[in-house]
């Protein structure tokens, strides 16, 4: 796991992107919006996500204050991840960006359809 340097003079968008960088973090945020999940549930929902990468991403997100990790003292051990209020705030802030991304994909599909029809 690499530590990101904290620079108080950095652009706010850059600071936000530093927290969600990587292939899986935005998808993990999206899944956790629906409620707490166990690590195995997250891995089942995201084929291709290895246990190692999930653990690293969740640790970084926990360090950044986005998720809460709860470990229950039962056998076998039970771990549950959920969004913190700060993580929920980030997920809500990303919603307009997600909407923009879907509009972009639609526009690209339309462009592709126009080229295919020519």
C-alpha atoms as a PDB file:
ATOM      1  CA  UNK A   1       0.000   0.000   0.000  1.00  0.00           C
ATOM      2  CA  UNK A   2       1.388   3.396  -0.933  1.00  0.00           C
ATOM      3  CA  UNK A   3       0.784   6.445   1.206  1.00  0.00           C
ATOM      4  CA  UNK A   4      -0.474   9.507  -0.560  1.00  0.00           C
ATOM      5  CA  UNK A   5       1.274  12.723   0.362  1.00  0.00           C
ATOM      6  CA  UNK A   6      -0.998  15.316   1.925  1.00  0.00           C
ATOM      7  CA  UNK A   7      -0.518  18.738   0.303  1.00  0.00           C
ATOM      8  CA  UNK A   8      -2.727  21.521   1.709  1.00  0.00           C
ATOM      9  CA  UNK A   9      -2.223  23.608  -1.447  1.00  0.00           C
ATOM     10  CA  UNK A  10      -3.565  21.005  -3.864  1.00  0.00           C
ATOM     11  CA  UNK A  11      -6.734  21.533  -5.916  1.00  0.00           C
ATOM     12  CA  UNK A  12      -9.849  20.173  -4.179  1.00  0.00           C
ATOM     13  CA  UNK A  13     -10.762  17.972  -7.148  1.00  0.00           C
ATOM     14  CA  UNK A  14      -7.270  16.472  -7.128  1.00  0.00           C
ATOM     15  CA  UNK A  15      -7.584  15.804  -3.391  1.00  0.00           C
ATOM     16  CA  UNK A  16     -10.927  14.063  -3.939  1.00  0.00           C
ATOM     17  CA  UNK A  17      -9.616  11.952  -6.821  1.00  0.00           C
ATOM     18  CA  UNK A  18      -6.649  10.862  -4.698  1.00  0.00           C
ATOM     19  CA  UNK A  19      -9.134   9.258  -2.286  1.00  0.00           C
ATOM     20  CA  UNK A  20     -11.010   7.335  -5.003  1.00  0.00           C
ATOM     21  CA  UNK A  21      -8.097   6.446  -7.267  1.00  0.00           C
ATOM     22  CA  UNK A  22      -7.757   2.865  -8.376  1.00  0.00           C
ATOM     23  CA  UNK A  23      -9.943   0.440 -10.246  1.00  0.00           C
ATOM     24  CA  UNK A  24     -12.290  -0.634  -7.441  1.00  0.00           C
ATOM     25  CA  UNK A  25     -12.868   2.170  -4.941  1.00  0.00           C
ATOM     26  CA  UNK A  26     -15.763   3.922  -6.672  1.00  0.00           C
ATOM     27  CA  UNK A  27     -17.507   0.595  -7.216  1.00  0.00           C
ATOM     28  CA  UNK A  28     -16.946  -0.365  -3.583  1.00  0.00           C
ATOM     29  CA  UNK A  29     -18.435   2.983  -2.497  1.00  0.00           C
ATOM     30  CA  UNK A  30     -21.423   2.345  -4.736  1.00  0.00           C
ATOM     31  CA  UNK A  31     -21.983  -1.138  -3.269  1.00  0.00           C
ATOM     32  CA  UNK A  32     -21.614   0.087   0.317  1.00  0.00           C
ATOM     33  CA  UNK A  33     -24.234   2.784  -0.288  1.00  0.00           C
ATOM     34  CA  UNK A  34     -26.861   0.040  -0.106  1.00  0.00           C
ATOM     35  CA  UNK A  35     -25.714  -0.971   3.381  1.00  0.00           C
ATOM     36  CA  UNK A  36     -23.037  -2.928   5.251  1.00  0.00           C
ATOM     37  CA  UNK A  37     -21.318  -5.796   3.460  1.00  0.00           C
ATOM     38  CA  UNK A  38     -18.971  -8.584   4.440  1.00  0.00           C
ATOM     39  CA  UNK A  39     -15.753  -8.916   2.410  1.00  0.00           C
ATOM     40  CA  UNK A  40     -16.884 -12.168   0.774  1.00  0.00           C
ATOM     41  CA  UNK A  41     -20.099 -10.475  -0.390  1.00  0.00           C
ATOM     42  CA  UNK A  42     -18.103  -7.670  -1.981  1.00  0.00           C
ATOM     43  CA  UNK A  43     -15.823 -10.132  -3.762  1.00  0.00           C
ATOM     44  CA  UNK A  44     -18.809 -12.113  -5.081  1.00  0.00           C
ATOM     45  CA  UNK A  45     -20.336  -8.929  -6.471  1.00  0.00           C
ATOM     46  CA  UNK A  46     -17.057  -7.900  -8.135  1.00  0.00           C
ATOM     47  CA  UNK A  47     -15.571 -10.748 -10.168  1.00  0.00           C
ATOM     48  CA  UNK A  48     -11.881 -10.137 -10.731  1.00  0.00           C
ATOM     49  CA  UNK A  49     -11.359  -8.386  -7.400  1.00  0.00           C
ATOM     50  CA  UNK A  50      -8.787 -10.357  -5.433  1.00  0.00           C
ATOM     51  CA  UNK A  51      -8.807 -10.657  -1.675  1.00  0.00           C
ATOM     52  CA  UNK A  52      -5.458  -8.838  -1.493  1.00  0.00           C
ATOM     53  CA  UNK A  53      -6.649  -5.886  -3.583  1.00  0.00           C
ATOM     54  CA  UNK A  54      -9.944  -5.712  -1.652  1.00  0.00           C
ATOM     55  CA  UNK A  55      -8.069  -5.649   1.654  1.00  0.00           C
ATOM     56  CA  UNK A  56      -5.710  -2.907   0.446  1.00  0.00           C
ATOM     57  CA  UNK A  57      -8.543  -0.786  -0.955  1.00  0.00           C
ATOM     58  CA  UNK A  58     -10.654  -1.133   2.183  1.00  0.00           C
ATOM     59  CA  UNK A  59      -7.698  -0.286   4.440  1.00  0.00           C
ATOM     60  CA  UNK A  60      -6.993   2.853   2.412  1.00  0.00           C
ATOM     61  CA  UNK A  61     -10.666   3.814   2.476  1.00  0.00           C
ATOM     62  CA  UNK A  62     -10.760   3.215   6.235  1.00  0.00           C
ATOM     63  CA  UNK A  63      -7.630   5.355   6.711  1.00  0.00           C
ATOM     64  CA  UNK A  64      -9.265   8.085   4.615  1.00  0.00           C
ATOM     65  CA  UNK A  65     -12.352   7.979   6.847  1.00  0.00           C
ATOM     66  CA  UNK A  66     -14.713   6.652   4.160  1.00  0.00           C
ATOM     67  CA  UNK A  67     -15.523   3.218   5.594  1.00  0.00           C
ATOM     68  CA  UNK A  68     -15.881   1.662   9.006  1.00  0.00           C
ATOM     69  CA  UNK A  69     -14.593  -1.834   9.632  1.00  0.00           C
ATOM     70  CA  UNK A  70     -16.355  -3.765  12.371  1.00  0.00           C
ATOM     71  CA  UNK A  71     -14.971  -7.069  13.579  1.00  0.00           C
ATOM     72  CA  UNK A  72     -17.321  -9.245  15.627  1.00  0.00           C
ATOM     73  CA  UNK A  73     -15.883 -11.581  18.253  1.00  0.00           C
ATOM     74  CA  UNK A  74     -17.500 -14.770  17.002  1.00  0.00           C
ATOM     75  CA  UNK A  75     -16.208 -18.001  15.490  1.00  0.00           C
ATOM     76  CA  UNK A  76     -15.480 -17.868  12.667  1.00  0.00           C
ATOM     77  CA  UNK A  77     -14.532 -14.156  12.846  1.00  0.00           C
ATOM     78  CA  UNK A  78     -17.008 -11.847  11.165  1.00  0.00           C
ATOM     79  CA  UNK A  79     -15.949  -8.564   9.536  1.00  0.00           C
ATOM     80  CA  UNK A  80     -18.415  -6.030   8.141  1.00  0.00           C
ATOM     81  CA  UNK A  81     -17.690  -2.855   6.193  1.00  0.00           C
ATOM     82  CA  UNK A  82     -20.025   0.130   6.042  1.00  0.00           C
ATOM     83  CA  UNK A  83     -19.831   3.732   4.905  1.00  0.00           C
ATOM     84  CA  UNK A  84     -19.081   6.420   7.432  1.00  0.00           C
ATOM     85  CA  UNK A  85     -21.004   9.705   7.193  1.00  0.00           C
ATOM     86  CA  UNK A  86     -17.926  11.133   5.404  1.00  0.00           C
ATOM     87  CA  UNK A  87     -18.001   8.225   2.936  1.00  0.00           C
ATOM     88  CA  UNK A  88     -21.722   8.699   2.340  1.00  0.00           C
ATOM     89  CA  UNK A  89     -21.066  12.391   1.690  1.00  0.00           C
ATOM     90  CA  UNK A  90     -18.456  11.443  -0.932  1.00  0.00           C
ATOM     91  CA  UNK A  91     -20.838   8.960  -2.561  1.00  0.00           C
ATOM     92  CA  UNK A  92     -23.493  11.681  -2.792  1.00  0.00           C
ATOM     93  CA  UNK A  93     -20.948  14.109  -4.263  1.00  0.00           C
ATOM     94  CA  UNK A  94     -20.028  11.537  -6.928  1.00  0.00           C
ATOM     95  CA  UNK A  95     -23.644  11.057  -8.066  1.00  0.00           C
ATOM     96  CA  UNK A  96     -23.627  14.043 -10.489  1.00  0.00           C
ATOM     97  CA  UNK A  97     -20.303  12.855 -11.906  1.00  0.00           C
ATOM     98  CA  UNK A  98     -21.837   9.417 -12.430  1.00  0.00           C
ATOM     99  CA  UNK A  99     -24.788  10.994 -14.235  1.00  0.00           C
ATOM    100  CA  UNK A 100     -22.391  12.915 -16.477  1.00  0.00           C
ATOM    101  CA  UNK A 101     -20.483   9.702 -17.207  1.00  0.00           C
ATOM    102  CA  UNK A 102     -23.679   7.914 -18.269  1.00  0.00           C
ATOM    103  CA  UNK A 103     -24.591  10.831 -20.575  1.00  0.00           C
ATOM    104  CA  UNK A 104     -21.094  10.647 -22.074  1.00  0.00           C
ATOM    105  CA  UNK A 105     -21.441   6.907 -22.702  1.00  0.00           C
ATOM    106  CA  UNK A 106     -24.797   7.496 -24.400  1.00  0.00           C
ATOM    107  CA  UNK A 107     -23.252  10.206 -26.574  1.00  0.00           C
ATOM    108  CA  UNK A 108     -20.363   7.912 -27.532  1.00  0.00           C
ATOM    109  CA  UNK A 109     -22.826   5.126 -28.412  1.00  0.00           C
ATOM    110  CA  UNK A 110     -24.823   7.528 -30.586  1.00  0.00           C
ATOM    111  CA  UNK A 111     -21.656   8.632 -32.345  1.00  0.00           C
ATOM    112  CA  UNK A 112     -20.677   4.995 -32.919  1.00  0.00           C
ATOM    113  CA  UNK A 113     -24.166   4.187 -34.264  1.00  0.00           C
ATOM    114  CA  UNK A 114     -23.947   7.152 -36.666  1.00  0.00           C
ATOM    115  CA  UNK A 115     -20.548   5.977 -37.947  1.00  0.00           C
ATOM    116  CA  UNK A 116     -21.802   2.405 -38.339  1.00  0.00           C
ATOM    117  CA  UNK A 117     -24.826   3.573 -40.341  1.00  0.00           C
ATOM    118  CA  UNK A 118     -22.636   5.524 -42.796  1.00  0.00           C
END
